Every structure is written in structure tokens, then in C-alpha cells.
C-alpha atoms as a PDB file:
ATOM      1  CA  MET A   1      18.408   6.030 -25.400  1.00  0.00           C
ATOM      2  CA  ASN A   2      17.716   2.404 -24.919  1.00  0.00           C
ATOM      3  CA  PHE A   3      14.178   1.669 -26.330  1.00  0.00           C
ATOM      4  CA  LEU A   4      12.420  -1.186 -24.296  1.00  0.00           C
ATOM      5  CA  SER A   5      10.179  -2.840 -26.306  1.00  0.00           C
ATOM      6  CA  GLY A   6       8.795  -6.356 -26.698  1.00  0.00           C
ATOM      7  CA  GLU A   7       5.473  -8.153 -25.034  1.00  0.00           C
ATOM      8  CA  TYR A   8       6.225 -11.269 -22.634  1.00  0.00           C
ATOM      9  CA  GLU A   9       4.299 -13.511 -21.001  1.00  0.00           C
ATOM     10  CA  CYS A  10       6.015 -13.574 -17.688  1.00  0.00           C
ATOM     11  CA  LYS A  11       5.145 -16.077 -13.878  1.00  0.00           C
ATOM     12  CA  ILE A  12       5.004 -14.306 -10.912  1.00  0.00           C
ATOM     13  CA  ASP A  13       5.725 -16.709  -7.975  1.00  0.00           C
ATOM     14  CA  PRO A  14       4.871 -17.563  -4.955  1.00  0.00           C
ATOM     15  CA  LYS A  15       7.019 -15.093  -3.369  1.00  0.00           C
ATOM     16  CA  GLY A  16       5.609 -11.928  -4.960  1.00  0.00           C
ATOM     17  CA  ARG A  17       8.852 -12.076  -7.322  1.00  0.00           C
ATOM     18  CA  LEU A  18       8.832 -11.352 -11.199  1.00  0.00           C
ATOM     19  CA  VAL A  19      11.578 -12.166 -13.681  1.00  0.00           C
ATOM     20  CA  LEU A  20      12.039  -8.998 -15.914  1.00  0.00           C
ATOM     21  CA  PRO A  21      12.280 -10.585 -20.066  1.00  0.00           C
ATOM     22  CA  ALA A  22      15.947 -10.394 -20.207  1.00  0.00           C
ATOM     23  CA  LYS A  23      15.479  -8.165 -23.445  1.00  0.00           C
ATOM     24  CA  ILE A  24      14.077  -5.730 -21.768  1.00  0.00           C
ATOM     25  CA  LYS A  25      16.589  -6.170 -18.558  1.00  0.00           C
ATOM     26  CA  ALA A  26      19.510  -5.673 -21.288  1.00  0.00           C
ATOM     27  CA  ASN A  27      18.154  -2.837 -22.772  1.00  0.00           C
ATOM     28  CA  LEU A  28      17.832  -0.844 -19.578  1.00  0.00           C
ATOM     29  CA  PRO A  29      20.448   1.879 -19.443  1.00  0.00           C
ATOM     30  CA  GLU A  30      23.416   1.021 -17.809  1.00  0.00           C
ATOM     31  CA  ALA A  31      23.187   4.953 -15.962  1.00  0.00           C
ATOM     32  CA  SER A  32      20.403   3.545 -14.416  1.00  0.00           C
ATOM     33  CA  GLY A  33      22.540   0.118 -13.581  1.00  0.00           C
ATOM     34  CA  ASN A  34      19.849  -2.655 -11.484  1.00  0.00           C
ATOM     35  CA  HIS A  35      17.377   0.635 -10.044  1.00  0.00           C
ATOM     36  CA  VAL A  36      14.308   1.048 -11.600  1.00  0.00           C
ATOM     37  CA  VAL A  37      11.384   2.708  -9.887  1.00  0.00           C
ATOM     38  CA  LEU A  38       7.839   0.484 -10.337  1.00  0.00           C
ATOM     39  CA  MET A  39       4.709   2.911  -9.599  1.00  0.00           C
ATOM     40  CA  ARG A  40       0.683   2.655 -10.223  1.00  0.00           C
ATOM     41  CA  GLY A  41      -0.536   2.721 -13.630  1.00  0.00           C
ATOM     42  CA  PHE A  42      -3.050   5.219 -14.928  1.00  0.00           C
ATOM     43  CA  GLU A  43      -5.169   2.040 -16.263  1.00  0.00           C
ATOM     44  CA  PRO A  44      -5.255  -0.977 -13.991  1.00  0.00           C
ATOM     45  CA  CYS A  45      -1.284  -2.022 -14.277  1.00  0.00           C
ATOM     46  CA  LEU A  46       2.447  -0.977 -13.254  1.00  0.00           C
ATOM     47  CA  VAL A  47       4.647   1.083 -14.528  1.00  0.00           C
ATOM     48  CA  LEU A  48       8.445   0.731 -14.419  1.00  0.00           C
ATOM     49  CA  TYR A  49      10.763   3.044 -15.314  1.00  0.00           C
ATOM     50  CA  PRO A  50      14.295   2.787 -15.693  1.00  0.00           C
ATOM     51  CA  LYS A  51      16.240   5.252 -13.138  1.00  0.00           C
ATOM     52  CA  ALA A  52      17.429   7.774 -15.441  1.00  0.00           C
ATOM     53  CA  GLU A  53      13.790   7.947 -17.002  1.00  0.00           C
ATOM     54  CA  TRP A  54      11.922   8.788 -13.659  1.00  0.00           C
ATOM     55  CA  LYS A  55      14.094  11.234 -12.826  1.00  0.00           C
ATOM     56  CA  VAL A  56      12.929  12.869 -16.188  1.00  0.00           C
ATOM     57  CA  ILE A  57       9.451  12.931 -14.723  1.00  0.00           C
ATOM     58  CA  TYR A  58      10.089  13.332 -11.283  1.00  0.00           C
ATOM     59  CA  ASP A  59      11.723  16.814 -11.842  1.00  0.00           C
ATOM     60  CA  LYS A  60       8.177  17.484 -14.082  1.00  0.00           C
ATOM     61  CA  VAL A  61       5.465  16.584 -11.016  1.00  0.00           C
ATOM     62  CA  ALA A  62       7.684  18.055  -7.777  1.00  0.00           C
ATOM     63  CA  GLY A  63       8.461  21.061  -9.913  1.00  0.00           C
ATOM     64  CA  LEU A  64       4.850  21.843  -9.485  1.00  0.00           C
ATOM     65  CA  ASN A  65       3.810  25.008  -7.491  1.00  0.00           C
ATOM     66  CA  GLU A  66       3.520  23.372  -3.595  1.00  0.00           C
ATOM     67  CA  PHE A  67       1.211  25.964  -3.238  1.00  0.00           C
ATOM     68  CA  ASN A  68      -1.410  25.085  -6.231  1.00  0.00           C
ATOM     69  CA  GLU A  69      -4.090  22.642  -4.333  1.00  0.00           C
ATOM     70  CA  GLU A  70      -5.134  21.351  -7.576  1.00  0.00           C
ATOM     71  CA  TYR A  71      -1.215  20.596  -8.287  1.00  0.00           C
ATOM     72  CA  ARG A  72      -0.757  19.147  -4.793  1.00  0.00           C
ATOM     73  CA  HIS A  73      -3.870  16.717  -5.174  1.00  0.00           C
ATOM     74  CA  PHE A  74      -1.814  15.680  -8.762  1.00  0.00           C
ATOM     75  CA  GLN A  75       1.591  15.323  -6.864  1.00  0.00           C
ATOM     76  CA  ARG A  76      -0.229  13.607  -3.747  1.00  0.00           C
ATOM     77  CA  ASN A  77      -1.981  10.786  -6.491  1.00  0.00           C
ATOM     78  CA  PHE A  78       1.377  10.681  -8.593  1.00  0.00           C
ATOM     79  CA  PHE A  79       3.731   9.595  -5.648  1.00  0.00           C
ATOM     80  CA  ARG A  80       1.147   7.557  -4.002  1.00  0.00           C
ATOM     81  CA  GLY A  81       2.776   4.237  -3.198  1.00  0.00           C
ATOM     82  CA  ASN A  82       5.704   4.833  -5.779  1.00  0.00           C
ATOM     83  CA  THR A  83       9.582   2.417  -5.000  1.00  0.00           C
ATOM     84  CA  GLU A  84      12.516   2.528  -6.373  1.00  0.00           C
ATOM     85  CA  ILE A  85      13.557  -1.335  -6.920  1.00  0.00           C
ATOM     86  CA  GLU A  86      16.660  -2.825  -7.027  1.00  0.00           C
ATOM     87  CA  LEU A  87      16.564  -5.881  -9.112  1.00  0.00           C
ATOM     88  CA  ASP A  88      18.692  -8.697  -8.606  1.00  0.00           C
ATOM     89  CA  GLY A  89      21.060 -10.533 -11.061  1.00  0.00           C
ATOM     90  CA  THR A  90      18.591 -12.141 -13.040  1.00  0.00           C
ATOM     91  CA  GLY A  91      16.784  -8.883 -13.170  1.00  0.00           C
ATOM     92  CA  ARG A  92      14.048  -9.771 -10.347  1.00  0.00           C
ATOM     93  CA  PHE A  93      12.421  -8.128  -7.749  1.00  0.00           C
ATOM     94  CA  ILE A  94       9.459  -8.398  -5.904  1.00  0.00           C
ATOM     95  CA  VAL A  95       6.005  -7.062  -6.882  1.00  0.00           C
ATOM     96  CA  PRO A  96       4.670  -5.005  -3.647  1.00  0.00           C
ATOM     97  CA  ARG A  97       1.470  -6.464  -2.723  1.00  0.00           C
ATOM     98  CA  THR A  98      -0.727  -2.777  -2.961  1.00  0.00           C
ATOM     99  CA  MET A  99       0.558  -2.639  -6.594  1.00  0.00           C
ATOM    100  CA  ALA A 100      -0.144  -6.358  -7.347  1.00  0.00           C
ATOM    101  CA  ARG A 101      -3.594  -6.170  -5.855  1.00  0.00           C
ATOM    102  CA  PHE A 102      -4.061  -2.383  -7.356  1.00  0.00           C
ATOM    103  CA  ALA A 103      -3.150  -4.494 -10.979  1.00  0.00           C
ATOM    104  CA  GLU A 104      -5.219  -7.394  -9.508  1.00  0.00           C
ATOM    105  CA  LEU A 105      -1.944  -9.505 -10.740  1.00  0.00           C
ATOM    106  CA  ASP A 106      -1.676 -13.065  -8.981  1.00  0.00           C
ATOM    107  CA  LYS A 107       0.342 -15.544 -10.895  1.00  0.00           C
ATOM    108  CA  ASP A 108       0.701 -14.598 -14.435  1.00  0.00           C
ATOM    109  CA  ALA A 109       1.277 -11.760 -16.047  1.00  0.00           C
ATOM    110  CA  ILE A 110       2.071  -9.652 -19.581  1.00  0.00           C
ATOM    111  CA  VAL A 111       5.705  -7.510 -19.413  1.00  0.00           C
ATOM    112  CA  VAL A 112       5.139  -5.074 -22.373  1.00  0.00           C
ATOM    113  CA  GLY A 113       7.928  -2.199 -22.982  1.00  0.00           C
ATOM    114  CA  LEU A 114       6.311   1.028 -24.145  1.00  0.00           C
ATOM    115  CA  GLY A 115      10.110   2.536 -25.361  1.00  0.00           C
ATOM    116  CA  ASN A 116      11.312   4.435 -22.359  1.00  0.00           C
ATOM    117  CA  ARG A 117       8.756   2.225 -19.863  1.00  0.00           C
ATOM    118  CA  VAL A 118       7.359  -0.790 -18.784  1.00  0.00           C
ATOM    119  CA  GLU A 119       3.916  -2.286 -18.232  1.00  0.00           C
ATOM    120  CA  ILE A 120       2.943  -4.700 -16.179  1.00  0.00           C
ATOM    121  CA  TRP A 121      -0.636  -6.593 -16.675  1.00  0.00           C
ATOM    122  CA  ASN A 122      -3.269  -8.570 -15.326  1.00  0.00           C
ATOM    123  CA  PRO A 123      -3.185 -10.557 -19.496  1.00  0.00           C
ATOM    124  CA  ASP A 124      -7.462 -10.040 -19.074  1.00  0.00           C
ATOM    125  CA  LYS A 125      -7.038  -6.511 -18.123  1.00  0.00           C
ATOM    126  CA  TYR A 126      -4.334  -5.960 -21.153  1.00  0.00           C
ATOM    127  CA  GLU A 127      -7.395  -7.583 -23.249  1.00  0.00           C
ATOM    128  CA  GLU A 128      -9.475  -5.453 -22.438  1.00  0.00           C
ATOM    129  CA  PHE A 129      -7.578  -1.700 -22.804  1.00  0.00           C
ATOM    130  CA  LEU A 130      -6.385  -2.916 -26.133  1.00  0.00           C
ATOM    131  CA  ILE A 131      -7.741  -1.991 -29.483  1.00  0.00           C
ATOM    132  CA  LYS A 132      -9.895  -4.680 -30.877  1.00  0.00           C
ATOM    133  CA  ASP A 133     -10.898  -3.043 -34.786  1.00  0.00           C
ATOM    134  CA  GLN A 134      -8.251  -2.904 -36.570  1.00  0.00           C
ATOM    135  CA  GLN A 135      -9.726  -0.145 -38.710  1.00  0.00           C
ATOM    136  CA  ASN A 136     -10.009   1.780 -35.618  1.00  0.00           C
ATOM    137  CA  PHE A 137      -6.180   1.636 -35.123  1.00  0.00           C
ATOM    138  CA  SER A 138      -5.453   2.486 -38.385  1.00  0.00           C
ATOM    139  CA  GLN A 139      -6.963   5.831 -38.156  1.00  0.00           C
ATOM    140  CA  LEU A 140      -5.756   5.997 -35.101  1.00  0.00           C
ATOM    141  CA  ALA A 141      -2.062   5.707 -36.566  1.00  0.00           C
ATOM    142  CA  GLN A 142      -3.604   7.798 -39.406  1.00  0.00           C
ATOM    143  CA  LYS A 143      -4.610  10.552 -36.660  1.00  0.00           C
ATOM    144  CA  PHE A 144      -1.220  10.679 -34.609  1.00  0.00           C
ATOM    145  CA  LEU A 145       1.735   9.630 -37.024  1.00  0.00           C
ATOM    146  CA  GLY A 146       0.000  10.370 -40.435  1.00  0.00           C
ATOM    147  CA  ASP A 147       1.831  13.573 -42.869  1.00  0.00           C
ATOM    148  CA  LYS A 148       0.307  16.498 -41.662  1.00  0.00           C
ATOM    149  CA  PRO A 149       0.270  19.360 -44.502  1.00  0.00           C
ATOM    150  CA  GLY A 150       4.207  21.228 -44.247  1.00  0.00           C
ATOM    151  CA  GLU A 151       5.575  18.169 -42.580  1.00  0.00           C
ATOM    152  CA  GLU A 152       8.260  15.695 -44.436  1.00  0.00           C
ATOM    153  CA  PRO A 153       6.675  11.972 -44.244  1.00  0.00           C
ATOM    154  CA  ILE A 154       7.760   9.370 -41.939  1.00  0.00           C
ATOM    155  CA  LEU A 155       9.865   6.950 -43.051  1.00  0.00           C
END
């Protein structure tokens, strides 16, 4: 499994193109080639998935019972505006205008690798969603990663 990581300051050119950082592009799975899927995030950001990773999520959401109104409502909103994109040789792609408006992207962007996906943020919005209090961050780390009775410690 390829691991997408790091935090990068990027520029969006006047034509709305963003170049993925070289380390992110280099870690895209070969199986996905230069194909990625861009979607709106749950927060005001965009989320970019390698095609292979997207397929796993797509199968889960598409597999929900279409005869259930709540599932249909979720599917409609989840798949809204998702776009398959082919990166050019330099890792560049055009950010669709509707998505750029959603994430309030203009000239600058923060690109963050999160393991199986990449988030693309307006720098000011990104700062709003970061944990400012290190003690709070430490408590969350203990809650989600700390040892639990009967489990092996995380090394």
C-alpha cells in the first residue's frame, strides 16, 4: 500500500490548475496510474483519492440499499460533483470551478497527505480546522492510539 503523507504549500495558477507535490505524485499507487477522483470533503476542503482507493469507498456507498430513503439521500450528496481526473505528466490538474468555490480556493492551497487520500485546503480554512491546544491533541492521541487493556502496545 502506498502512503500519501506530508503537508505542502501549493499555488493554483490563473487557469485553475494545481500541481500535486512530487512526493504525493510519486506515492500514488501504480494501479491507479494518473487517474484520481476529486470530491467535496465533509469539511470545506476537497479530497483527492487514487482511483484504486476510491473504488473501495465507491463500492461501499453504491452498495447501500437504493430503496431506503436515507441511503438515497446520503448517496446523492456523497456522489454530488465527484470528478474523475487524469493528471498530466507533471501531476497537474484543473480544479473544477464549482469545487474551487466550495473549498474557497483561489491562488494558494495547502495539500495534505492523509494515508490513502489527499486533502486540498484554503490555507486560512485549514488553520481553523487544526487542533491548537497541544494538550487536547495529546488527549486525543491517548484516546485513539493509547494502550487498551488486553491489547499489545503500539510501537
